[in-house]
N, C-alpha and C. Protein backbone atom coordinates (compact mmCIF):
# COMPACT_ATOMS: atom_id res chain seq x y z
N MET A 1 35.06 88.04 120.20
CA MET A 1 36.15 89.05 119.95
C MET A 1 37.49 88.58 120.74
N SER A 2 38.43 88.70 120.04
CA SER A 2 39.87 88.73 120.68
C SER A 2 40.38 90.24 121.03
N PHE A 3 41.03 90.11 121.97
CA PHE A 3 41.57 91.41 122.36
C PHE A 3 43.00 91.60 122.18
N ARG A 4 43.57 92.63 121.78
CA ARG A 4 45.30 92.79 121.64
C ARG A 4 45.87 93.29 123.02
N VAL A 5 47.02 92.80 123.21
CA VAL A 5 47.45 92.67 124.69
C VAL A 5 48.32 94.07 124.42
N VAL A 6 48.24 95.03 125.60
CA VAL A 6 49.14 96.28 125.72
C VAL A 6 49.77 95.90 127.12
N ILE A 7 50.90 96.12 127.02
CA ILE A 7 51.68 95.88 128.33
C ILE A 7 52.01 97.24 128.96
N GLU A 8 51.70 97.70 130.04
CA GLU A 8 52.21 98.86 130.57
C GLU A 8 53.50 98.94 131.04
N GLU A 9 54.20 99.88 131.07
CA GLU A 9 55.91 100.05 131.24
C GLU A 9 56.03 99.18 132.90
N GLU A 10 55.11 99.39 133.90
CA GLU A 10 55.53 98.90 134.92
C GLU A 10 55.46 97.22 134.94
N ALA A 11 54.43 96.56 134.21
CA ALA A 11 54.61 95.43 134.15
C ALA A 11 55.50 94.95 133.12
N GLU A 12 55.96 95.54 132.09
CA GLU A 12 56.99 95.18 131.21
C GLU A 12 58.32 94.97 132.16
N ARG A 13 58.47 95.91 132.95
CA ARG A 13 59.46 95.89 133.84
C ARG A 13 59.53 94.58 134.82
N GLU A 14 58.30 94.42 135.70
CA GLU A 14 58.16 93.17 136.23
C GLU A 14 58.36 91.90 135.37
N PHE A 15 58.13 91.92 134.30
CA PHE A 15 58.14 90.53 133.27
C PHE A 15 59.65 90.49 132.90
N ALA A 16 60.28 91.22 132.66
CA ALA A 16 61.85 91.33 132.57
C ALA A 16 62.54 90.95 133.88
N GLU A 17 62.08 91.49 134.86
CA GLU A 17 62.76 90.88 136.25
C GLU A 17 62.36 89.60 136.61
N ALA A 18 61.18 89.01 136.18
CA ALA A 18 60.92 87.62 136.61
C ALA A 18 61.84 86.90 135.52
N VAL A 19 61.95 86.88 134.34
CA VAL A 19 62.81 86.64 133.29
C VAL A 19 64.40 86.34 133.68
N ASN A 20 64.77 87.38 134.14
CA ASN A 20 65.99 87.59 134.80
C ASN A 20 66.30 86.53 136.29
N PHE A 21 65.07 86.70 136.90
CA PHE A 21 65.16 85.91 138.11
C PHE A 21 65.50 84.37 137.79
N TYR A 22 64.68 83.89 137.16
CA TYR A 22 64.61 82.66 136.76
C TYR A 22 65.91 82.11 135.86
N ASP A 23 66.27 83.01 134.74
CA ASP A 23 67.76 82.69 134.18
C ASP A 23 68.52 82.49 134.92
N GLU A 24 68.75 83.37 135.98
CA GLU A 24 70.07 83.43 137.00
C GLU A 24 70.02 82.20 137.89
N ARG A 25 68.94 81.64 138.09
CA ARG A 25 68.87 80.16 138.80
C ARG A 25 69.18 79.35 137.87
N GLU A 26 68.63 78.95 136.88
CA GLU A 26 68.74 78.00 135.99
C GLU A 26 68.59 78.53 134.74
N PRO A 27 69.79 78.38 133.63
CA PRO A 27 69.61 79.04 132.28
C PRO A 27 68.51 78.35 131.41
N GLY A 28 67.71 79.14 130.75
CA GLY A 28 66.79 78.76 129.84
C GLY A 28 65.55 78.79 130.53
N VAL A 29 65.44 78.53 131.93
CA VAL A 29 64.24 78.65 132.63
C VAL A 29 63.38 79.78 132.31
N GLY A 30 63.87 81.06 132.53
CA GLY A 30 63.36 82.49 132.15
C GLY A 30 62.55 82.70 130.66
N GLN A 31 63.40 81.86 129.95
CA GLN A 31 62.85 81.96 128.37
C GLN A 31 61.51 81.14 128.35
N ARG A 32 61.60 80.13 129.30
CA ARG A 32 60.30 79.09 129.39
C ARG A 32 59.06 80.03 129.91
N PHE A 33 59.61 80.64 131.00
CA PHE A 33 58.50 81.74 131.62
C PHE A 33 57.93 82.63 130.48
N ALA A 34 58.91 83.28 130.05
CA ALA A 34 58.41 84.06 128.88
C ALA A 34 57.57 83.70 127.97
N LYS A 35 58.01 82.60 127.36
CA LYS A 35 57.00 81.70 126.36
C LYS A 35 55.72 81.52 126.93
N ASP A 36 55.67 81.03 128.10
CA ASP A 36 54.63 80.48 128.93
C ASP A 36 53.61 81.71 129.11
N LEU A 37 54.07 82.88 129.65
CA LEU A 37 53.57 84.02 129.98
C LEU A 37 52.81 84.66 128.39
N GLN A 38 53.54 84.48 127.45
CA GLN A 38 53.02 85.18 126.01
C GLN A 38 51.99 83.92 125.62
N ALA A 39 51.89 82.85 126.00
CA ALA A 39 50.87 81.97 125.56
C ALA A 39 49.79 82.10 126.48
N PHE A 40 49.90 82.32 127.72
CA PHE A 40 48.94 82.79 128.62
C PHE A 40 48.23 83.75 128.16
N PHE A 41 48.76 84.73 127.81
CA PHE A 41 48.23 86.19 127.47
C PHE A 41 47.26 86.07 126.30
N LYS A 42 47.53 85.00 125.24
CA LYS A 42 46.92 84.56 124.21
C LYS A 42 45.44 84.08 124.54
N MET A 43 45.74 83.22 125.64
CA MET A 43 44.37 82.34 126.00
C MET A 43 43.57 83.28 126.68
N VAL A 44 44.04 84.34 127.45
CA VAL A 44 43.32 85.09 128.43
C VAL A 44 42.73 86.21 127.28
N CYS A 45 43.34 86.70 126.18
CA CYS A 45 42.70 87.44 125.16
C CYS A 45 41.49 86.78 124.75
N GLN A 46 41.32 85.75 124.40
CA GLN A 46 40.18 85.11 123.69
C GLN A 46 38.92 85.50 124.38
N ASP A 47 38.88 85.62 125.63
CA ASP A 47 37.71 85.97 126.49
C ASP A 47 38.20 86.59 127.94
N PRO A 48 38.80 87.71 127.78
CA PRO A 48 39.25 88.40 129.28
C PRO A 48 38.18 88.79 130.29
N GLU A 49 36.97 88.95 129.72
CA GLU A 49 36.01 89.41 130.52
C GLU A 49 35.42 88.30 131.46
N ARG A 50 35.68 87.06 131.39
CA ARG A 50 35.51 85.70 132.15
C ARG A 50 36.08 85.96 133.49
N PHE A 51 37.20 86.41 133.53
CA PHE A 51 37.96 86.88 134.76
C PHE A 51 37.30 87.29 135.86
N PRO A 52 37.70 87.33 137.05
CA PRO A 52 36.90 88.08 138.24
C PRO A 52 37.90 89.42 138.34
N PHE A 53 37.10 90.33 138.98
CA PHE A 53 37.53 91.90 139.23
C PHE A 53 38.05 91.73 140.57
N ALA A 54 39.15 92.34 140.50
CA ALA A 54 40.16 92.70 141.82
C ALA A 54 39.88 94.17 142.43
N SER A 55 39.20 94.90 141.50
CA SER A 55 38.89 96.39 141.89
C SER A 55 37.76 96.53 140.80
N ALA A 56 37.41 97.95 141.07
CA ALA A 56 36.23 98.28 140.20
C ALA A 56 36.46 98.21 138.52
N LEU A 57 37.77 98.43 138.15
CA LEU A 57 38.00 98.28 136.84
C LEU A 57 38.98 97.04 136.54
N THR A 58 39.64 96.72 137.54
CA THR A 58 40.91 95.75 136.98
C THR A 58 40.33 94.46 137.43
N GLN A 59 40.91 93.49 136.57
CA GLN A 59 40.58 92.05 136.54
C GLN A 59 41.95 91.42 136.86
N LYS A 60 41.76 90.16 137.39
CA LYS A 60 42.98 89.38 137.91
C LYS A 60 42.83 88.07 137.42
N THR A 61 43.78 87.38 137.29
CA THR A 61 43.95 85.79 136.73
C THR A 61 45.36 85.21 137.15
N LYS A 62 45.43 84.21 137.53
CA LYS A 62 46.55 83.46 138.03
C LYS A 62 47.02 82.43 137.02
N MET A 63 48.50 82.56 136.60
CA MET A 63 49.09 81.69 135.81
C MET A 63 49.05 80.13 136.00
N PRO A 64 48.97 79.17 135.36
CA PRO A 64 49.09 77.93 135.50
C PRO A 64 50.29 77.66 136.26
N GLU A 65 50.32 76.51 137.00
CA GLU A 65 51.56 75.85 137.79
C GLU A 65 52.63 75.71 136.47
N PRO A 66 53.73 75.88 136.90
CA PRO A 66 54.22 76.22 138.02
C PRO A 66 54.49 77.34 138.32
N TRP A 67 53.97 78.50 137.64
CA TRP A 67 54.32 79.72 137.71
C TRP A 67 53.70 80.60 138.88
N PRO A 68 54.10 80.99 139.67
CA PRO A 68 53.56 81.64 141.16
C PRO A 68 53.32 83.02 140.76
N TYR A 69 52.65 83.43 139.59
CA TYR A 69 52.27 84.85 139.60
C TYR A 69 50.75 84.95 138.88
N SER A 70 50.11 86.25 139.54
CA SER A 70 49.04 86.77 139.12
C SER A 70 49.34 87.97 138.05
N VAL A 71 48.33 88.07 137.19
CA VAL A 71 48.31 89.12 135.95
C VAL A 71 47.05 90.03 136.29
N PHE A 72 47.48 91.40 136.37
CA PHE A 72 46.12 92.23 136.67
C PHE A 72 45.99 92.97 135.28
N PHE A 73 44.89 93.14 134.64
CA PHE A 73 44.50 93.84 133.72
C PHE A 73 43.13 94.53 133.58
N VAL A 74 43.13 95.70 132.56
CA VAL A 74 41.90 96.02 132.54
C VAL A 74 41.68 95.93 130.90
N VAL A 75 40.23 95.59 130.69
CA VAL A 75 39.55 95.34 129.32
C VAL A 75 39.34 96.77 128.78
N LYS A 76 39.58 97.05 127.75
CA LYS A 76 39.03 98.26 126.82
C LYS A 76 38.31 97.66 125.58
N ARG A 77 36.81 97.37 125.95
CA ARG A 77 36.04 97.06 124.93
C ARG A 77 36.16 97.99 123.55
N GLN A 78 36.21 99.40 123.72
CA GLN A 78 36.09 100.15 122.72
C GLN A 78 37.24 100.08 121.39
N THR A 79 38.40 99.88 122.11
CA THR A 79 39.66 99.51 121.50
C THR A 79 39.98 98.45 121.50
N SER A 80 39.09 97.20 121.67
CA SER A 80 39.50 95.77 121.85
C SER A 80 41.08 95.53 122.54
N GLU A 81 41.56 96.39 123.53
CA GLU A 81 42.46 95.97 124.12
C GLU A 81 42.50 95.26 125.57
N MET A 82 43.38 94.72 125.95
CA MET A 82 43.74 94.04 127.23
C MET A 82 44.86 94.62 127.67
N ILE A 83 44.94 95.33 128.73
CA ILE A 83 46.02 96.41 129.11
C ILE A 83 46.59 95.83 130.53
N ILE A 84 47.58 95.17 130.05
CA ILE A 84 48.26 94.46 131.69
C ILE A 84 49.18 95.58 132.55
N SER A 85 48.53 95.55 133.62
CA SER A 85 48.99 96.61 134.59
C SER A 85 49.92 96.13 135.43
N THR A 86 49.95 94.83 135.89
CA THR A 86 50.88 94.20 136.84
C THR A 86 51.01 92.88 136.74
N ILE A 87 52.17 92.41 136.67
CA ILE A 87 52.47 90.99 136.88
C ILE A 87 53.01 90.51 137.99
N TRP A 88 52.35 90.04 139.07
CA TRP A 88 52.66 90.09 140.50
C TRP A 88 53.30 88.68 140.91
N HIS A 89 54.01 88.69 141.78
CA HIS A 89 54.63 87.09 142.12
C HIS A 89 54.06 87.26 143.67
């Protein structure tokens, strides 16, 4: 079963801040980060339940190198959604 990604407002803000941070340092890197993060979401959505729990409901996974970010999410099986709550550096 594949899940649909839903990004909460706070995570959306963290995502935008990371893109801006990288683009301010070197043009184009923020866009590469955004593309890699979207691809990462698609990969996680294929089987989100395989990732460890960080709390009773929230799971956590780390982005691959070179990105020093963790993604926290909740799986809602009844709606086939993966709710992204935090994109944490």
